[in-house]
Protein backbone atom coordinates (compact mmCIF):
# COMPACT_ATOMS: atom_id res chain seq x y z
CA ILE A 1 0.00 0.00 0.00
CA GLY A 2 2.89 2.37 0.72
CA LEU A 3 4.17 2.33 -2.87
CA SER A 4 0.64 2.82 -4.22
CA LYS A 5 0.18 5.96 -2.14
CA GLU A 6 3.63 7.23 -3.04
CA VAL A 7 3.06 7.19 -6.82
CA ALA A 8 -0.71 7.80 -6.95
CA ALA A 9 -0.24 11.54 -7.54
CA GLU A 10 1.64 10.69 -10.75
CA ASN A 11 -1.25 8.53 -12.04
CA VAL A 12 0.74 5.33 -11.57
CA ARG A 13 -1.04 2.20 -10.37
CA VAL A 14 0.71 -0.51 -8.39
CA ASN A 15 -0.57 -4.07 -8.53
CA ALA A 16 1.57 -6.41 -6.47
CA VAL A 17 1.33 -9.69 -4.63
CA ARG A 18 3.53 -10.42 -1.69
CA PRO A 19 4.40 -14.10 -1.82
CA GLY A 20 4.35 -16.10 1.35
CA PHE A 21 2.33 -18.46 3.48
CA ILE A 22 -0.87 -17.60 5.27
CA PHE A 23 -1.01 -20.01 8.18
CA THR A 24 -4.45 -21.50 8.70
CA ASP A 25 -5.91 -24.55 10.42
CA PHE A 26 -5.71 -26.33 7.05
CA HIS A 27 -1.93 -25.92 6.99
CA ALA A 28 -1.64 -27.06 10.61
CA LEU A 29 -3.31 -30.35 9.67
CA SER A 30 -0.75 -31.05 6.94
CA GLY A 31 1.93 -31.90 9.49
CA ASP A 32 4.55 -29.53 8.05
CA PRO A 33 6.69 -28.06 10.84
CA PHE A 34 6.24 -24.40 9.91
């Protein structure tokens, strides 16, 4: 969100995905030691 706000005045859009895990009950059941 920070980059989006920084360049919004210049009519630049930022569309980004931050890769990583979202730990949920589903992942806990998989047995992986994260």
